[in-house]
Amino acid sequence: MKLATLCRRLDDELRTDAFADLDASPNGLQVGPDDAAVERVAVAVDAAVATIEEAVALDADVLLAHHGLVWGGLDRVTGMDYDRIAPLIRGDCALYVSHLPLDAHPELGNAAGLATNLDLRNREPFGELGGEHIGVRGERKPISPRRLRDSLTALDNDGVQHLDFGPDRIEDVAVVTGSGADWLGEAREKGVDALVTGEGKQQVYHEAREAGIHVFLAGHYATETFGVRSLADLCDSWGLATAFVDHPTGL
């Protein structure tokens, strides 16, 4: 498959263009020639020297990453930018990036994957951003806060922080993976019992306490492996060999 064909298929599936004015990440192909041939695909949460070098060692033709190399523009290819781009070029490995589109996808996305992990049903969009939604809200069988925390700990992270300010039984859950604490206000407006995200900010403690909502901080990395794994499955269905490059950050 040509790289241009792969990128076009991914862009169409992920609705990349819909997020062009919302995302600091320029999603789509960030490094590589359109006419390159692709037989082997590596996927990773982060495009960094460690994951790029492993993708090259796996003889991948392209690395699909959630967090790319460019955020809001690239003026010079020097320093850290050079250190990350150089091994891609030397290894003849392209880089395709999907940030918010991969958070948002209702089947392949990070939020959708975590919602499935939490057994959420009757789902609806959550996490409004410029007319799009990057999260999911759903219902589940009543569960204690402790058991929900235990299920998140099973995501292979370094511990879950729990702001224990909600009801004794949790049924209505909102999910925004990564850094999603900014959507606590929407969670409050919609009356959810718990907001599950990756990491938080100082003010979320008081906001959660005053709103009477549980907040679970399950790790930025741990909550965002779902999307790239789904992309690997998708590429596999297209006849491409795939590999997941796992490099947890503990954050």
C-alpha atoms as a PDB file:
ATOM      1  CA  MET A   1       0.000   0.000   0.000  1.00  0.00           C
ATOM      2  CA  LYS A   2       1.240   3.495  -0.797  1.00  0.00           C
ATOM      3  CA  LEU A   3       1.752   5.811   2.156  1.00  0.00           C
ATOM      4  CA  ALA A   4      -0.579   8.369   0.564  1.00  0.00           C
ATOM      5  CA  THR A   5      -3.332   5.741   0.367  1.00  0.00           C
ATOM      6  CA  LEU A   6      -2.867   4.746   4.010  1.00  0.00           C
ATOM      7  CA  CYS A   7      -2.962   8.373   5.143  1.00  0.00           C
ATOM      8  CA  ARG A   8      -6.071   9.085   3.099  1.00  0.00           C
ATOM      9  CA  ARG A   9      -7.870   6.064   4.579  1.00  0.00           C
ATOM     10  CA  LEU A  10      -6.905   7.070   8.108  1.00  0.00           C
ATOM     11  CA  ASP A  11      -7.859  10.702   7.551  1.00  0.00           C
ATOM     12  CA  ASP A  12     -11.264   9.678   6.232  1.00  0.00           C
ATOM     13  CA  GLU A  13     -11.938   7.219   9.074  1.00  0.00           C
ATOM     14  CA  LEU A  14     -10.788   9.621  11.796  1.00  0.00           C
ATOM     15  CA  ARG A  15     -12.389  12.755  10.299  1.00  0.00           C
ATOM     16  CA  THR A  16      -9.059  14.533  10.516  1.00  0.00           C
ATOM     17  CA  ASP A  17     -10.235  17.644   8.664  1.00  0.00           C
ATOM     18  CA  ALA A  18     -12.995  18.278  11.230  1.00  0.00           C
ATOM     19  CA  PHE A  19     -10.351  19.022  13.870  1.00  0.00           C
ATOM     20  CA  ALA A  20      -8.037  21.177  11.765  1.00  0.00           C
ATOM     21  CA  ASP A  21      -9.025  24.411  13.523  1.00  0.00           C
ATOM     22  CA  LEU A  22      -9.340  22.863  17.001  1.00  0.00           C
ATOM     23  CA  ASP A  23      -6.076  21.009  17.490  1.00  0.00           C
ATOM     24  CA  ALA A  24      -2.593  22.377  18.156  1.00  0.00           C
ATOM     25  CA  SER A  25      -1.305  19.187  16.558  1.00  0.00           C
ATOM     26  CA  PRO A  26      -1.164  19.169  12.735  1.00  0.00           C
ATOM     27  CA  ASN A  27      -2.746  15.773  12.303  1.00  0.00           C
ATOM     28  CA  GLY A  28      -2.012  13.465   9.409  1.00  0.00           C
ATOM     29  CA  LEU A  29       1.344  12.789   7.789  1.00  0.00           C
ATOM     30  CA  GLN A  30       4.058  14.793   9.604  1.00  0.00           C
ATOM     31  CA  VAL A  31       7.172  13.131   8.173  1.00  0.00           C
ATOM     32  CA  GLY A  32       7.593  11.075   5.022  1.00  0.00           C
ATOM     33  CA  PRO A  33       7.152  10.919   1.230  1.00  0.00           C
ATOM     34  CA  ASP A  34       3.643  10.310  -0.132  1.00  0.00           C
ATOM     35  CA  ASP A  35       4.843   7.730  -2.656  1.00  0.00           C
ATOM     36  CA  ALA A  36       6.590   5.472  -0.112  1.00  0.00           C
ATOM     37  CA  ALA A  37       5.432   1.858   0.086  1.00  0.00           C
ATOM     38  CA  VAL A  38       3.999   0.611   3.384  1.00  0.00           C
ATOM     39  CA  GLU A  39       3.995  -3.017   4.469  1.00  0.00           C
ATOM     40  CA  ARG A  40       4.735  -2.761   8.186  1.00  0.00           C
ATOM     41  CA  VAL A  41       3.175  -0.307  10.655  1.00  0.00           C
ATOM     42  CA  ALA A  42       4.215   0.503  14.225  1.00  0.00           C
ATOM     43  CA  VAL A  43       1.900   2.348  16.615  1.00  0.00           C
ATOM     44  CA  ALA A  44       2.768   4.271  19.789  1.00  0.00           C
ATOM     45  CA  VAL A  45       1.206   6.804  22.118  1.00  0.00           C
ATOM     46  CA  ASP A  46       4.159   9.198  21.847  1.00  0.00           C
ATOM     47  CA  ALA A  47       6.491  10.028  18.982  1.00  0.00           C
ATOM     48  CA  ALA A  48       9.814  10.331  20.837  1.00  0.00           C
ATOM     49  CA  VAL A  49      13.349   9.121  20.278  1.00  0.00           C
ATOM     50  CA  ALA A  50      12.703   5.898  22.236  1.00  0.00           C
ATOM     51  CA  THR A  51       9.574   4.922  20.286  1.00  0.00           C
ATOM     52  CA  ILE A  52      10.939   6.061  16.933  1.00  0.00           C
ATOM     53  CA  GLU A  53      14.115   4.035  17.365  1.00  0.00           C
ATOM     54  CA  GLU A  54      12.088   0.956  18.312  1.00  0.00           C
ATOM     55  CA  ALA A  55       9.816   1.420  15.301  1.00  0.00           C
ATOM     56  CA  VAL A  56      12.896   1.635  13.067  1.00  0.00           C
ATOM     57  CA  ALA A  57      14.357  -1.468  14.747  1.00  0.00           C
ATOM     58  CA  LEU A  58      11.088  -3.268  13.909  1.00  0.00           C
ATOM     59  CA  ASP A  59      11.620  -2.242  10.268  1.00  0.00           C
ATOM     60  CA  ALA A  60       8.374  -0.262  10.288  1.00  0.00           C
ATOM     61  CA  ASP A  61       7.612   1.811   7.211  1.00  0.00           C
ATOM     62  CA  VAL A  62       5.463   4.205   9.228  1.00  0.00           C
ATOM     63  CA  LEU A  63       4.884   5.019  12.886  1.00  0.00           C
ATOM     64  CA  LEU A  64       1.314   5.971  13.828  1.00  0.00           C
ATOM     65  CA  ALA A  65       1.374   8.102  16.983  1.00  0.00           C
ATOM     66  CA  HIS A  66      -1.173   9.901  19.130  1.00  0.00           C
ATOM     67  CA  HIS A  67       1.269  12.608  20.245  1.00  0.00           C
ATOM     68  CA  GLY A  68       3.362  13.831  17.338  1.00  0.00           C
ATOM     69  CA  LEU A  69       6.415  16.031  16.901  1.00  0.00           C
ATOM     70  CA  VAL A  70       4.799  19.343  15.956  1.00  0.00           C
ATOM     71  CA  TRP A  71       2.586  21.480  18.170  1.00  0.00           C
ATOM     72  CA  GLY A  72       1.520  24.796  16.716  1.00  0.00           C
ATOM     73  CA  GLY A  73       4.289  25.130  14.135  1.00  0.00           C
ATOM     74  CA  LEU A  74       7.868  24.142  13.439  1.00  0.00           C
ATOM     75  CA  ASP A  75      10.313  26.936  12.564  1.00  0.00           C
ATOM     76  CA  ARG A  76      13.656  25.115  12.644  1.00  0.00           C
ATOM     77  CA  VAL A  77      14.748  21.489  12.664  1.00  0.00           C
ATOM     78  CA  THR A  78      17.403  21.752  15.368  1.00  0.00           C
ATOM     79  CA  GLY A  79      17.993  20.484  18.895  1.00  0.00           C
ATOM     80  CA  MET A  80      15.322  18.096  20.160  1.00  0.00           C
ATOM     81  CA  ASP A  81      13.321  18.396  16.935  1.00  0.00           C
ATOM     82  CA  TYR A  82      16.337  17.254  14.915  1.00  0.00           C
ATOM     83  CA  ASP A  83      17.068  14.430  17.365  1.00  0.00           C
ATOM     84  CA  ARG A  84      13.561  13.064  16.816  1.00  0.00           C
ATOM     85  CA  ILE A  85      13.213  13.623  13.077  1.00  0.00           C
ATOM     86  CA  ALA A  86      16.684  12.379  12.113  1.00  0.00           C
ATOM     87  CA  PRO A  87      16.125   8.713  13.093  1.00  0.00           C
ATOM     88  CA  LEU A  88      12.869   8.692  11.108  1.00  0.00           C
ATOM     89  CA  ILE A  89      14.675   9.829   7.987  1.00  0.00           C
ATOM     90  CA  ARG A  90      17.712   7.622   8.540  1.00  0.00           C
ATOM     91  CA  GLY A  91      15.437   4.638   9.175  1.00  0.00           C
ATOM     92  CA  ASP A  92      13.188   5.424   6.199  1.00  0.00           C
ATOM     93  CA  CYS A  93      10.198   5.495   8.564  1.00  0.00           C
ATOM     94  CA  ALA A  94       7.316   7.930   8.070  1.00  0.00           C
ATOM     95  CA  LEU A  95       5.278   9.482  10.886  1.00  0.00           C
ATOM     96  CA  TYR A  96       1.484   9.802  10.897  1.00  0.00           C
ATOM     97  CA  VAL A  97      -0.182  11.582  13.829  1.00  0.00           C
ATOM     98  CA  SER A  98      -3.740  11.643  15.154  1.00  0.00           C
ATOM     99  CA  HIS A  99      -4.331  13.628  18.339  1.00  0.00           C
ATOM    100  CA  LEU A 100      -7.867  14.928  18.979  1.00  0.00           C
ATOM    101  CA  PRO A 101      -9.395  12.919  16.106  1.00  0.00           C
ATOM    102  CA  LEU A 102      -8.193   9.735  17.798  1.00  0.00           C
ATOM    103  CA  ASP A 103      -9.483  10.872  21.194  1.00  0.00           C
ATOM    104  CA  ALA A 104     -12.887  11.523  19.672  1.00  0.00           C
ATOM    105  CA  HIS A 105     -13.607   8.573  17.376  1.00  0.00           C
ATOM    106  CA  PRO A 106     -16.752   6.816  18.656  1.00  0.00           C
ATOM    107  CA  GLU A 107     -15.404   3.298  18.012  1.00  0.00           C
ATOM    108  CA  LEU A 108     -11.624   3.513  17.610  1.00  0.00           C
ATOM    109  CA  GLY A 109     -10.942   6.392  19.980  1.00  0.00           C
ATOM    110  CA  ASN A 110      -9.244   6.555  23.346  1.00  0.00           C
ATOM    111  CA  ALA A 111     -12.413   7.581  25.179  1.00  0.00           C
ATOM    112  CA  ALA A 112     -14.421   4.854  23.460  1.00  0.00           C
ATOM    113  CA  GLY A 113     -11.843   2.241  24.395  1.00  0.00           C
ATOM    114  CA  LEU A 114     -11.765   3.287  28.029  1.00  0.00           C
ATOM    115  CA  ALA A 115     -15.567   3.436  28.124  1.00  0.00           C
ATOM    116  CA  THR A 116     -15.667  -0.169  26.916  1.00  0.00           C
ATOM    117  CA  ASN A 117     -13.141  -1.112  29.580  1.00  0.00           C
ATOM    118  CA  LEU A 118     -15.465   0.439  32.175  1.00  0.00           C
ATOM    119  CA  ASP A 119     -18.551  -1.339  30.779  1.00  0.00           C
ATOM    120  CA  LEU A 120     -20.352   1.898  29.951  1.00  0.00           C
ATOM    121  CA  ARG A 121     -23.638   1.525  28.073  1.00  0.00           C
ATOM    122  CA  ASN A 122     -26.110   3.961  26.479  1.00  0.00           C
ATOM    123  CA  ARG A 123     -23.221   6.186  25.481  1.00  0.00           C
ATOM    124  CA  GLU A 124     -23.439   9.731  24.267  1.00  0.00           C
ATOM    125  CA  PRO A 125     -20.837  12.326  23.258  1.00  0.00           C
ATOM    126  CA  PHE A 126     -19.123  14.261  26.025  1.00  0.00           C
ATOM    127  CA  GLY A 127     -16.283  16.763  26.233  1.00  0.00           C
ATOM    128  CA  GLU A 128     -17.493  19.485  23.854  1.00  0.00           C
ATOM    129  CA  LEU A 129     -14.764  21.349  21.992  1.00  0.00           C
ATOM    130  CA  GLY A 130     -15.584  23.724  19.166  1.00  0.00           C
ATOM    131  CA  GLY A 131     -18.645  21.771  18.097  1.00  0.00           C
ATOM    132  CA  GLU A 132     -16.895  18.390  18.326  1.00  0.00           C
ATOM    133  CA  HIS A 133     -16.712  16.000  21.287  1.00  0.00           C
ATOM    134  CA  ILE A 134     -13.541  14.309  22.467  1.00  0.00           C
ATOM    135  CA  GLY A 135     -15.050  12.180  25.253  1.00  0.00           C
ATOM    136  CA  VAL A 136     -17.856   9.793  26.110  1.00  0.00           C
ATOM    137  CA  ARG A 137     -20.557   9.645  28.777  1.00  0.00           C
ATOM    138  CA  GLY A 138     -22.337   6.437  29.667  1.00  0.00           C
ATOM    139  CA  GLU A 139     -24.152   4.345  32.260  1.00  0.00           C
ATOM    140  CA  ARG A 140     -23.013   1.192  34.011  1.00  0.00           C
ATOM    141  CA  LYS A 141     -24.215  -1.158  36.727  1.00  0.00           C
ATOM    142  CA  PRO A 142     -23.823   0.544  40.110  1.00  0.00           C
ATOM    143  CA  ILE A 143     -20.294   0.190  41.426  1.00  0.00           C
ATOM    144  CA  SER A 144     -18.492   1.438  44.496  1.00  0.00           C
ATOM    145  CA  PRO A 145     -15.817   4.121  44.048  1.00  0.00           C
ATOM    146  CA  ARG A 146     -13.210   1.682  45.338  1.00  0.00           C
ATOM    147  CA  ARG A 147     -14.066  -0.978  42.772  1.00  0.00           C
ATOM    148  CA  LEU A 148     -14.036   1.564  39.953  1.00  0.00           C
ATOM    149  CA  ARG A 149     -10.618   2.727  41.103  1.00  0.00           C
ATOM    150  CA  ASP A 150      -9.415  -0.889  41.193  1.00  0.00           C
ATOM    151  CA  SER A 151     -10.588  -1.439  37.613  1.00  0.00           C
ATOM    152  CA  LEU A 152      -8.623   1.631  36.487  1.00  0.00           C
ATOM    153  CA  THR A 153      -5.528   0.458  38.339  1.00  0.00           C
ATOM    154  CA  ALA A 154      -5.664  -2.627  36.107  1.00  0.00           C
ATOM    155  CA  LEU A 155      -4.768  -0.397  33.140  1.00  0.00           C
ATOM    156  CA  ASP A 156      -1.095  -1.019  34.021  1.00  0.00           C
ATOM    157  CA  ASN A 157      -0.331   2.441  35.341  1.00  0.00           C
ATOM    158  CA  ASP A 158       1.618   3.615  38.379  1.00  0.00           C
ATOM    159  CA  GLY A 159      -1.406   4.299  40.539  1.00  0.00           C
ATOM    160  CA  VAL A 160      -4.763   6.044  40.277  1.00  0.00           C
ATOM    161  CA  GLN A 161      -5.483   9.289  42.104  1.00  0.00           C
ATOM    162  CA  HIS A 162      -9.049   9.519  43.344  1.00  0.00           C
ATOM    163  CA  LEU A 163     -10.778  12.697  44.441  1.00  0.00           C
ATOM    164  CA  ASP A 164     -13.511  11.063  46.533  1.00  0.00           C
ATOM    165  CA  PHE A 165     -16.282  13.661  46.508  1.00  0.00           C
ATOM    166  CA  GLY A 166     -19.153  11.868  44.777  1.00  0.00           C
ATOM    167  CA  PRO A 167     -21.912   9.435  45.730  1.00  0.00           C
ATOM    168  CA  ASP A 168     -21.397   6.048  47.378  1.00  0.00           C
ATOM    169  CA  ARG A 169     -22.520   4.232  44.200  1.00  0.00           C
ATOM    170  CA  ILE A 170     -21.399   5.234  40.732  1.00  0.00           C
ATOM    171  CA  GLU A 171     -23.677   4.727  37.717  1.00  0.00           C
ATOM    172  CA  ASP A 172     -23.165   7.732  35.427  1.00  0.00           C
ATOM    173  CA  VAL A 173     -19.584   8.175  34.191  1.00  0.00           C
ATOM    174  CA  ALA A 174     -17.920  10.699  31.867  1.00  0.00           C
ATOM    175  CA  VAL A 175     -14.601   9.910  30.193  1.00  0.00           C
ATOM    176  CA  VAL A 176     -12.088  12.323  28.661  1.00  0.00           C
ATOM    177  CA  THR A 177      -8.693  10.674  28.298  1.00  0.00           C
ATOM    178  CA  GLY A 178      -5.314  12.371  28.696  1.00  0.00           C
ATOM    179  CA  SER A 179      -5.650  15.819  30.226  1.00  0.00           C
ATOM    180  CA  GLY A 180      -9.421  16.159  30.587  1.00  0.00           C
ATOM    181  CA  ALA A 181      -9.972  17.931  33.895  1.00  0.00           C
ATOM    182  CA  ASP A 182     -11.136  21.064  32.056  1.00  0.00           C
ATOM    183  CA  TRP A 183     -14.427  19.275  31.359  1.00  0.00           C
ATOM    184  CA  LEU A 184     -15.396  18.990  35.010  1.00  0.00           C
ATOM    185  CA  GLY A 185     -17.827  21.870  34.489  1.00  0.00           C
ATOM    186  CA  GLU A 186     -19.638  19.923  31.784  1.00  0.00           C
ATOM    187  CA  ALA A 187     -19.701  16.888  34.073  1.00  0.00           C
ATOM    188  CA  ARG A 188     -21.316  19.007  36.769  1.00  0.00           C
ATOM    189  CA  GLU A 189     -23.901  20.442  34.372  1.00  0.00           C
ATOM    190  CA  LYS A 190     -24.869  16.958  33.186  1.00  0.00           C
ATOM    191  CA  GLY A 191     -25.051  15.510  36.691  1.00  0.00           C
ATOM    192  CA  VAL A 192     -22.567  12.668  36.271  1.00  0.00           C
ATOM    193  CA  ASP A 193     -21.308  10.730  39.273  1.00  0.00           C
ATOM    194  CA  ALA A 194     -17.679  10.475  38.153  1.00  0.00           C
ATOM    195  CA  LEU A 195     -15.247  11.961  35.655  1.00  0.00           C
ATOM    196  CA  VAL A 196     -12.444   9.659  34.529  1.00  0.00           C
ATOM    197  CA  THR A 197      -9.408  11.231  32.900  1.00  0.00           C
ATOM    198  CA  GLY A 198      -5.647  10.864  32.811  1.00  0.00           C
ATOM    199  CA  GLU A 199      -4.203  13.769  34.732  1.00  0.00           C
ATOM    200  CA  GLY A 200      -5.482  16.841  36.532  1.00  0.00           C
ATOM    201  CA  LYS A 201      -4.641  20.358  37.629  1.00  0.00           C
ATOM    202  CA  GLN A 202      -4.479  21.896  41.088  1.00  0.00           C
ATOM    203  CA  GLN A 203      -7.893  23.550  40.855  1.00  0.00           C
ATOM    204  CA  VAL A 204      -9.701  20.313  40.026  1.00  0.00           C
ATOM    205  CA  TYR A 205      -9.601  19.293  43.704  1.00  0.00           C
ATOM    206  CA  HIS A 206     -11.807  22.167  44.843  1.00  0.00           C
ATOM    207  CA  GLU A 207     -13.958  22.053  41.721  1.00  0.00           C
ATOM    208  CA  ALA A 208     -14.701  18.361  42.249  1.00  0.00           C
ATOM    209  CA  ARG A 209     -15.344  18.869  45.965  1.00  0.00           C
ATOM    210  CA  GLU A 210     -17.758  21.725  45.356  1.00  0.00           C
ATOM    211  CA  ALA A 211     -19.504  19.838  42.536  1.00  0.00           C
ATOM    212  CA  GLY A 212     -19.870  16.599  44.523  1.00  0.00           C
ATOM    213  CA  ILE A 213     -18.271  14.527  41.766  1.00  0.00           C
ATOM    214  CA  HIS A 214     -15.704  11.743  41.885  1.00  0.00           C
ATOM    215  CA  VAL A 215     -12.627  12.409  39.745  1.00  0.00           C
ATOM    216  CA  PHE A 216     -10.303   9.559  38.839  1.00  0.00           C
ATOM    217  CA  LEU A 217      -6.858  10.432  37.453  1.00  0.00           C
ATOM    218  CA  ALA A 218      -5.731   7.168  35.868  1.00  0.00           C
ATOM    219  CA  GLY A 219      -2.630   8.369  34.032  1.00  0.00           C
ATOM    220  CA  HIS A 220      -2.252  10.248  30.759  1.00  0.00           C
ATOM    221  CA  TYR A 221      -0.375   7.421  29.063  1.00  0.00           C
ATOM    222  CA  ALA A 222      -2.487   4.617  30.529  1.00  0.00           C
ATOM    223  CA  THR A 223      -5.751   6.150  29.310  1.00  0.00           C
ATOM    224  CA  GLU A 224      -4.456   6.765  25.783  1.00  0.00           C
ATOM    225  CA  THR A 225      -3.178   3.402  24.602  1.00  0.00           C
ATOM    226  CA  PHE A 226      -6.634   2.370  23.378  1.00  0.00           C
ATOM    227  CA  GLY A 227      -6.691   4.489  20.228  1.00  0.00           C
ATOM    228  CA  VAL A 228      -3.359   3.467  18.737  1.00  0.00           C
ATOM    229  CA  ARG A 229      -4.076  -0.191  19.503  1.00  0.00           C
ATOM    230  CA  SER A 230      -7.344   0.185  17.585  1.00  0.00           C
ATOM    231  CA  LEU A 231      -5.462   1.735  14.670  1.00  0.00           C
ATOM    232  CA  ALA A 232      -3.151  -1.279  14.673  1.00  0.00           C
ATOM    233  CA  ASP A 233      -6.185  -3.568  14.418  1.00  0.00           C
ATOM    234  CA  LEU A 234      -7.572  -1.438  11.585  1.00  0.00           C
ATOM    235  CA  CYS A 235      -4.287  -1.544   9.661  1.00  0.00           C
ATOM    236  CA  ASP A 236      -4.116  -5.286  10.228  1.00  0.00           C
ATOM    237  CA  SER A 237      -7.548  -5.617   8.600  1.00  0.00           C
ATOM    238  CA  TRP A 238      -6.106  -3.773   5.596  1.00  0.00           C
ATOM    239  CA  GLY A 239      -3.423  -6.423   5.183  1.00  0.00           C
ATOM    240  CA  LEU A 240      -0.543  -4.599   6.895  1.00  0.00           C
ATOM    241  CA  ALA A 241       1.758  -6.088   9.503  1.00  0.00           C
ATOM    242  CA  THR A 242       1.521  -4.178  12.794  1.00  0.00           C
ATOM    243  CA  ALA A 243       3.320  -3.805  16.106  1.00  0.00           C
ATOM    244  CA  PHE A 244       2.536  -1.820  19.261  1.00  0.00           C
ATOM    245  CA  VAL A 245       5.503   0.076  20.694  1.00  0.00           C
ATOM    246  CA  ASP A 246       4.745   0.287  24.411  1.00  0.00           C
ATOM    247  CA  HIS A 247       6.747   2.909  26.319  1.00  0.00           C
ATOM    248  CA  PRO A 248       4.863   3.872  29.523  1.00  0.00           C
ATOM    249  CA  THR A 249       5.767   7.187  31.089  1.00  0.00           C
ATOM    250  CA  GLY A 250       4.220   6.633  34.509  1.00  0.00           C
ATOM    251  CA  LEU A 251       2.403   9.934  34.097  1.00  0.00           C
END
